[in-house]
Amino acid sequence: MLKILFRRIIIYWQKWVIFRFANQRQLLSIVPIKFTGAFIIGLCVSLLFAACTVNNPTNTTAVSVNNSTPTKASVVRFGYQKSAILLKSKGLLEKRLQPEGTSVKWIEFPAGPQLLEAMNVGSIDLGHTGESPPIFAQAAGAAITYIAGIAPSPASSAILVRKNSAIKTVNELKGKKIAFQKGSSAHYMLVQILEKNGLKYSDIQPIYLPPADARAAFVKGSIDAWAIWDPFYAAAEKSADSRVLIDGTGINKQGGYYLASKNFANQQPEIIKAILEEIQNLEEWSEQNRNEVAVTLSPILGIDLETMQKSTNRKKFGITPVTQDLITLQQQVADKFYELKLIPKQINVKEAMLTPEQYAAFSPKIK
């Protein structure tokens, strides 16, 4: 059938050439015509072959890609904040992963938003944040995913004012300058506290600053209040001439999350499982050894022992599975930030979640 088709193409081509050049008496010889026909046949065969190759679902390249098994990562790049420095200082992940030929590289960030920005551009593989940073990251198109929840510690965050401030109640924050890291857990805590006390987010003057810069502005007196979390909160209580206006007790309904890039989560489930097991072991140990935690962290963070003990005692330790209830709470956070026009589009939190089978493959210690 193809042979007949090609023959007809050659005949039509010959007739067109003869007609085209008849008036000029410039007829093509049979050799060029045969060459042209051969060229067309070759072209048709090439196109046909290419089309079959593209449409063939058993493409050898696709098979080799789809059937490839990801190799175990030689390095895990772990993003962390000061609130999780105990995990780094104990060296538990290194000990667990070294027999597998995997090392750990630790990269510190001042807050969750910066950590997830780094994850989005491929600079780190996993890390932990509060509930708000993943919302802003997902709205910006970041390819991240949730791998575990963190037990909530509502008393570990607060809104601080200076000791000599005239502000005595939350209602008196109206019109005031309040500093906090945009897109952080403190951001959402502030939104919740304002609404609980009859204020709108638009009633305050938000000043977006990372913790170190916010502390400097607070001490200088260029802001009226500061929404912050531990250990910055604990340090400010001790040495920044501050007073707690209100903390997150009765406000925060969730803690934070451990997150990973989607590629890392899909390709390294065994490493994630090992990491979560070590984190949970450390959390269980910390719950029973709070004073030792404080003693360990005090010199590392440069915070006196008494203040560190206070911070440690108001923290709840533990990680939790990513359940439907947690997803529902996280969607509420996303909806609120969209309602306030703080993220550019409405998002579906489930799109950043793994499958039930993937979650089931993680640490059995997460209960």
Protein backbone atom coordinates (compact mmCIF):
# COMPACT_ATOMS: atom_id res chain seq x y z
CA MET A 1 0.00 0.00 0.00
CA LEU A 2 2.80 2.40 0.87
CA LYS A 3 4.62 1.48 -2.33
CA ILE A 4 1.59 2.46 -4.41
CA LEU A 5 1.23 5.74 -2.48
CA PHE A 6 4.85 6.69 -3.06
CA ARG A 7 4.60 5.84 -6.75
CA ARG A 8 1.61 8.14 -7.13
CA ILE A 9 3.46 10.94 -5.36
CA ILE A 10 6.31 10.61 -7.85
CA ILE A 11 3.94 10.68 -10.83
CA TYR A 12 2.17 13.81 -9.55
CA TRP A 13 5.51 15.47 -8.91
CA GLN A 14 6.73 14.69 -12.43
CA LYS A 15 3.56 16.10 -13.99
CA TRP A 16 3.83 19.29 -11.93
CA VAL A 17 7.46 19.81 -12.95
CA ILE A 18 6.66 19.29 -16.67
CA PHE A 19 3.72 21.72 -16.48
CA ARG A 20 5.72 24.31 -14.54
CA PHE A 21 8.55 24.54 -17.00
CA ALA A 22 6.79 23.66 -20.28
CA ASN A 23 6.57 27.28 -21.51
CA GLN A 24 10.29 27.81 -21.02
CA ARG A 25 11.07 24.44 -22.71
CA GLN A 26 13.12 23.60 -19.60
CA LEU A 27 12.09 20.07 -18.96
CA LEU A 28 13.78 18.22 -16.17
CA SER A 29 15.62 15.07 -17.07
CA ILE A 30 14.45 11.77 -15.75
CA VAL A 31 17.43 11.60 -13.41
CA PRO A 32 16.54 14.67 -11.39
CA ILE A 33 12.93 13.58 -11.28
CA LYS A 34 13.88 10.18 -9.96
CA PHE A 35 16.18 11.86 -7.45
CA THR A 36 13.36 14.13 -6.35
CA GLY A 37 11.06 11.18 -5.98
CA ALA A 38 13.62 9.32 -3.95
CA PHE A 39 14.03 12.39 -1.79
CA ILE A 40 10.26 12.55 -1.21
CA ILE A 41 10.11 8.86 -0.41
CA GLY A 42 12.91 9.28 2.08
CA LEU A 43 11.23 12.30 3.58
CA CYS A 44 7.90 10.51 3.90
CA VAL A 45 9.53 7.47 5.45
CA SER A 46 11.39 9.71 7.90
CA LEU A 47 8.23 11.57 8.87
CA LEU A 48 6.27 8.36 9.19
CA PHE A 49 8.99 6.82 11.35
CA ALA A 50 9.19 9.91 13.50
CA ALA A 51 5.43 9.99 13.98
CA CYS A 52 5.35 6.35 14.95
CA THR A 53 8.21 6.87 17.37
CA VAL A 54 6.56 9.87 19.06
CA ASN A 55 3.17 8.21 19.40
CA ASN A 56 4.48 4.83 20.42
CA PRO A 57 3.94 4.49 24.20
CA THR A 58 6.70 1.87 24.36
CA ASN A 59 9.39 4.36 23.42
CA THR A 60 12.71 2.91 24.61
CA THR A 61 13.76 6.22 26.15
CA ALA A 62 10.50 6.51 28.11
CA VAL A 63 10.83 2.94 29.29
CA SER A 64 14.36 3.51 30.54
CA VAL A 65 13.27 6.66 32.38
CA ASN A 66 10.10 5.21 33.85
CA ASN A 67 11.77 2.01 34.96
CA SER A 68 14.79 3.69 36.51
CA THR A 69 15.16 3.35 40.25
CA PRO A 70 16.41 6.52 41.99
CA THR A 71 19.71 6.04 43.77
CA LYS A 72 19.98 6.84 47.45
CA ALA A 73 21.08 10.42 48.05
CA SER A 74 24.73 10.79 49.04
CA VAL A 75 24.00 14.08 50.85
CA VAL A 76 20.87 15.32 52.61
CA ARG A 77 20.69 19.11 52.78
CA PHE A 78 18.71 19.92 55.91
CA GLY A 79 17.36 23.43 56.41
CA TYR A 80 16.82 24.37 60.03
CA GLN A 81 15.95 27.26 62.31
CA LYS A 82 17.31 27.90 65.80
CA SER A 83 14.24 26.24 67.30
CA ALA A 84 15.47 22.89 65.90
CA ILE A 85 19.17 23.27 66.58
CA LEU A 86 19.07 20.41 69.11
CA LEU A 87 18.67 17.93 66.24
CA LYS A 88 21.83 19.27 64.63
CA SER A 89 23.82 19.45 67.85
CA LYS A 90 23.08 15.82 68.76
CA GLY A 91 24.39 14.48 65.45
CA LEU A 92 21.68 11.83 65.35
CA LEU A 93 20.99 12.02 61.62
CA GLU A 94 24.67 11.66 60.78
CA LYS A 95 24.93 8.53 62.90
CA ARG A 96 21.79 7.03 61.38
CA LEU A 97 22.57 7.79 57.74
CA GLN A 98 26.35 7.26 57.69
CA PRO A 99 26.10 3.45 57.28
CA GLU A 100 23.96 4.10 54.21
CA GLY A 101 26.68 6.27 52.70
CA THR A 102 24.64 9.45 53.21
CA SER A 103 25.98 12.57 54.89
CA VAL A 104 24.04 15.56 56.24
CA LYS A 105 24.63 19.19 55.36
CA TRP A 106 23.01 21.69 57.74
CA ILE A 107 21.94 25.12 56.50
CA GLU A 108 20.50 27.65 58.97
CA PHE A 109 17.70 30.11 58.15
CA PRO A 110 16.26 32.98 60.21
CA ALA A 111 12.67 31.90 59.52
CA GLY A 112 10.45 29.52 57.57
CA PRO A 113 9.81 31.69 54.48
CA GLN A 114 13.51 31.93 53.70
CA LEU A 115 13.92 28.20 54.28
CA LEU A 116 11.19 27.32 51.79
CA GLU A 117 12.51 29.79 49.24
CA ALA A 118 15.77 27.85 49.36
CA MET A 119 13.90 24.57 49.01
CA ASN A 120 12.03 25.87 45.98
CA VAL A 121 15.25 26.73 44.14
CA GLY A 122 16.83 23.39 45.01
CA SER A 123 19.29 24.53 47.67
CA ILE A 124 17.96 22.22 50.40
CA ASP A 125 16.03 18.94 50.47
CA LEU A 126 13.94 19.22 53.61
CA GLY A 127 13.37 21.29 56.72
CA HIS A 128 10.75 22.50 59.18
CA THR A 129 8.58 25.62 59.42
CA GLY A 130 5.43 26.89 61.08
CA GLU A 131 2.04 26.48 59.42
CA SER A 132 2.13 29.70 57.37
CA PRO A 133 5.31 29.50 55.24
CA PRO A 134 4.10 26.49 53.20
CA ILE A 135 0.96 28.44 52.25
CA PHE A 136 2.95 31.35 50.84
CA ALA A 137 5.37 28.96 49.15
CA GLN A 138 2.63 26.94 47.48
CA ALA A 139 0.88 30.12 46.32
CA ALA A 140 4.18 31.11 44.68
CA GLY A 141 4.36 27.79 42.84
CA ALA A 142 7.00 26.08 44.97
CA ALA A 143 7.31 22.32 44.45
CA ILE A 144 7.19 21.36 48.12
CA THR A 145 5.31 18.73 50.06
CA TYR A 146 4.37 18.02 53.67
CA ILE A 147 5.99 14.96 55.27
CA ALA A 148 5.02 15.28 58.96
CA GLY A 149 3.33 17.59 61.41
CA ILE A 150 4.88 19.19 64.50
CA ALA A 151 3.07 19.15 67.83
CA PRO A 152 1.59 22.60 68.58
CA SER A 153 3.18 24.77 71.27
CA PRO A 154 0.85 27.78 71.44
CA ALA A 155 2.55 29.30 74.47
CA SER A 156 5.86 29.43 72.61
CA SER A 157 4.80 32.46 70.54
CA ALA A 158 3.65 35.87 71.73
CA ILE A 159 3.10 39.54 70.98
CA LEU A 160 5.59 41.63 72.91
CA VAL A 161 5.52 45.31 73.81
CA ARG A 162 8.11 47.34 75.69
CA LYS A 163 7.79 47.41 79.48
CA ASN A 164 7.03 51.12 79.51
CA SER A 165 4.52 50.87 76.64
CA ALA A 166 1.09 52.40 77.16
CA ILE A 167 -0.44 49.41 75.32
CA LYS A 168 -2.19 47.21 77.86
CA THR A 169 -4.73 45.30 75.74
CA VAL A 170 -4.92 43.84 72.24
CA ASN A 171 -7.54 46.44 71.28
CA GLU A 172 -4.93 49.13 71.82
CA LEU A 173 -2.88 47.70 68.96
CA LYS A 174 -5.21 49.48 66.54
CA GLY A 175 -3.21 51.81 64.34
CA LYS A 176 0.07 50.59 65.83
CA LYS A 177 3.23 49.34 64.10
CA ILE A 178 3.68 45.62 64.67
CA ALA A 179 6.78 43.84 63.39
CA PHE A 180 6.90 40.19 62.34
CA GLN A 181 8.25 37.93 59.64
CA LYS A 182 5.78 37.95 56.76
CA GLY A 183 4.39 34.50 56.04
CA SER A 184 5.58 33.06 59.36
CA SER A 185 3.71 31.33 62.17
CA ALA A 186 3.80 34.63 64.07
CA HIS A 187 1.97 36.24 61.16
CA TYR A 188 -0.96 33.85 61.44
CA MET A 189 -0.96 34.04 65.24
CA LEU A 190 -1.27 37.82 65.00
CA VAL A 191 -4.17 37.54 62.53
CA GLN A 192 -6.00 35.16 64.86
CA ILE A 193 -5.42 37.30 67.96
CA LEU A 194 -6.62 40.45 66.21
CA GLU A 195 -9.80 38.81 64.97
CA LYS A 196 -10.53 37.23 68.34
CA ASN A 197 -10.40 40.70 69.86
CA GLY A 198 -12.60 42.36 67.25
CA LEU A 199 -9.83 43.94 65.17
CA LYS A 200 -9.10 43.58 61.48
CA TYR A 201 -5.70 43.01 59.96
CA SER A 202 -6.15 46.36 58.21
CA ASP A 203 -6.44 48.03 61.63
CA ILE A 204 -2.70 47.66 62.27
CA GLN A 205 0.44 48.76 60.47
CA PRO A 206 2.34 45.56 59.60
CA ILE A 207 6.12 45.92 59.52
CA TYR A 208 7.65 42.94 57.76
CA LEU A 209 11.02 42.12 59.35
CA PRO A 210 12.97 38.92 60.02
CA PRO A 211 13.59 38.17 63.74
CA ALA A 212 17.00 39.84 64.10
CA ASP A 213 15.90 43.05 62.40
CA ALA A 214 12.62 43.07 64.28
CA ARG A 215 14.44 42.78 67.59
CA ALA A 216 16.66 45.72 66.68
CA ALA A 217 13.63 47.82 65.76
CA PHE A 218 11.89 46.74 68.97
CA VAL A 219 14.83 47.69 71.17
CA LYS A 220 15.21 50.99 69.34
CA GLY A 221 11.54 51.78 69.88
CA SER A 222 10.72 52.28 66.20
CA ILE A 223 7.87 49.75 66.39
CA ASP A 224 5.07 49.40 68.93
CA ALA A 225 4.90 45.61 69.20
CA TRP A 226 6.61 42.45 68.00
CA ALA A 227 5.01 39.08 67.16
CA ILE A 228 7.65 36.41 67.64
CA TRP A 229 8.36 32.78 68.58
CA ASP A 230 10.90 30.93 70.70
CA PRO A 231 13.83 31.06 71.20
CA PHE A 232 13.76 34.71 70.06
CA TYR A 233 10.75 35.23 72.30
CA ALA A 234 12.55 33.86 75.35
CA ALA A 235 15.66 35.92 74.66
CA ALA A 236 13.60 39.11 74.26
CA GLU A 237 11.80 38.48 77.53
CA LYS A 238 15.15 38.42 79.29
CA SER A 239 17.14 41.16 77.64
CA ALA A 240 15.00 43.35 75.39
CA ASP A 241 13.12 45.26 78.10
CA SER A 242 9.90 43.62 76.96
CA ARG A 243 6.51 42.68 78.33
CA VAL A 244 4.19 39.95 77.05
CA LEU A 245 0.95 41.48 75.82
CA ILE A 246 -0.55 38.11 74.90
CA ASP A 247 0.75 34.71 73.88
CA GLY A 248 -0.72 32.11 71.53
CA THR A 249 -2.51 30.09 74.20
CA GLY A 250 -6.01 29.34 73.04
CA ILE A 251 -5.22 30.67 69.55
CA ASN A 252 -2.93 28.31 67.65
CA LYS A 253 -4.53 24.98 66.80
CA GLN A 254 -1.54 23.43 65.10
CA GLY A 255 2.21 23.46 65.27
CA GLY A 256 4.28 23.40 62.14
CA TYR A 257 5.51 20.93 59.57
CA TYR A 258 8.48 19.08 58.25
CA LEU A 259 8.53 19.58 54.51
CA ALA A 260 10.57 18.28 51.59
CA SER A 261 10.96 19.11 47.95
CA LYS A 262 8.61 16.97 45.87
CA ASN A 263 11.51 15.36 44.04
CA PHE A 264 13.23 14.39 47.29
CA ALA A 265 10.00 13.04 48.81
CA ASN A 266 9.28 10.93 45.73
CA GLN A 267 12.81 9.61 45.31
CA GLN A 268 14.06 9.19 48.90
CA PRO A 269 11.27 7.66 51.04
CA GLU A 270 13.70 5.44 52.95
CA ILE A 271 15.86 8.38 53.96
CA ILE A 272 12.78 10.37 55.01
CA LYS A 273 11.60 7.41 57.07
CA ALA A 274 14.96 7.21 58.85
CA ILE A 275 15.02 10.96 59.47
CA LEU A 276 11.51 11.04 60.92
CA GLU A 277 12.29 8.10 63.18
CA GLU A 278 15.32 9.92 64.59
CA ILE A 279 13.34 13.14 65.02
CA GLN A 280 10.58 11.33 66.86
CA ASN A 281 13.11 9.55 69.09
CA LEU A 282 14.68 12.89 69.97
CA GLU A 283 11.29 14.47 70.62
CA GLU A 284 10.33 11.65 73.00
CA TRP A 285 13.67 11.96 74.80
CA SER A 286 13.28 15.75 75.04
CA GLU A 287 9.83 15.44 76.57
CA GLN A 288 11.34 13.42 79.42
CA ASN A 289 14.59 15.39 79.73
CA ARG A 290 13.63 19.05 79.48
CA ASN A 291 16.33 20.30 81.80
CA GLU A 292 19.04 18.52 79.83
CA VAL A 293 17.63 20.05 76.66
CA ALA A 294 17.92 23.49 78.21
CA VAL A 295 21.47 22.80 79.46
CA THR A 296 22.49 21.68 75.95
CA LEU A 297 20.91 24.59 74.12
CA SER A 298 21.85 27.42 76.49
CA PRO A 299 25.50 27.81 75.37
CA ILE A 300 24.70 27.02 71.72
CA LEU A 301 22.08 29.76 71.49
CA GLY A 302 23.81 32.16 73.86
CA ILE A 303 20.78 32.29 76.16
CA ASP A 304 21.17 32.03 79.92
CA LEU A 305 20.05 28.74 81.44
CA GLU A 306 17.09 30.14 83.37
CA THR A 307 15.60 31.69 80.23
CA MET A 308 16.32 28.57 78.21
CA GLN A 309 14.56 26.45 80.81
CA LYS A 310 11.53 28.72 80.60
CA SER A 311 11.46 28.35 76.83
CA THR A 312 11.89 24.59 76.96
CA ASN A 313 9.18 24.11 79.58
CA ARG A 314 6.50 25.83 77.47
CA LYS A 315 7.31 23.75 74.38
CA LYS A 316 5.36 20.63 73.48
CA PHE A 317 7.55 17.97 71.91
CA GLY A 318 6.58 15.45 69.26
CA ILE A 319 5.74 15.04 65.60
CA THR A 320 2.41 13.95 64.19
CA PRO A 321 1.14 12.25 61.04
CA VAL A 322 -0.41 14.36 58.29
CA THR A 323 -4.09 13.59 58.86
CA GLN A 324 -7.24 14.89 57.24
CA ASP A 325 -7.88 17.05 60.31
CA LEU A 326 -4.47 18.65 59.89
CA ILE A 327 -5.12 19.22 56.20
CA THR A 328 -8.45 20.89 57.04
CA LEU A 329 -6.74 23.22 59.54
CA GLN A 330 -4.04 24.06 57.02
CA GLN A 331 -6.65 24.84 54.37
CA GLN A 332 -8.23 27.30 56.80
CA VAL A 333 -4.88 29.07 57.07
CA ALA A 334 -4.64 29.25 53.29
CA ASP A 335 -8.18 30.57 52.95
CA LYS A 336 -7.56 33.27 55.55
CA PHE A 337 -4.40 34.55 53.88
CA TYR A 338 -6.21 34.62 50.54
CA GLU A 339 -9.15 36.47 52.10
CA LEU A 340 -6.70 39.07 53.40
CA LYS A 341 -5.15 39.31 49.91
CA LEU A 342 -1.77 38.29 51.32
CA ILE A 343 -1.32 35.52 48.74
CA PRO A 344 -2.00 36.07 45.02
CA LYS A 345 -4.33 33.15 44.46
CA GLN A 346 -6.49 30.65 46.27
CA ILE A 347 -4.75 27.33 46.77
CA ASN A 348 -5.74 23.75 47.47
CA VAL A 349 -3.48 22.46 50.24
CA LYS A 350 -4.08 18.85 49.18
CA GLU A 351 -2.10 19.50 46.01
CA ALA A 352 1.02 19.75 48.17
CA MET A 353 0.29 16.50 50.01
CA LEU A 354 1.61 13.02 49.35
CA THR A 355 -0.53 9.95 48.73
CA PRO A 356 -1.78 7.87 51.68
CA GLU A 357 0.54 5.08 50.52
CA GLN A 358 3.55 7.38 50.67
CA TYR A 359 2.66 8.58 54.16
CA ALA A 360 2.12 4.99 55.25
CA ALA A 361 5.67 4.17 54.15
CA PHE A 362 7.13 6.66 56.63
CA SER A 363 8.07 6.07 60.21
CA PRO A 364 5.76 3.74 62.14
CA LYS A 365 6.78 5.66 65.27
CA ILE A 366 4.64 8.64 64.21
CA LYS A 367 1.38 7.90 66.01
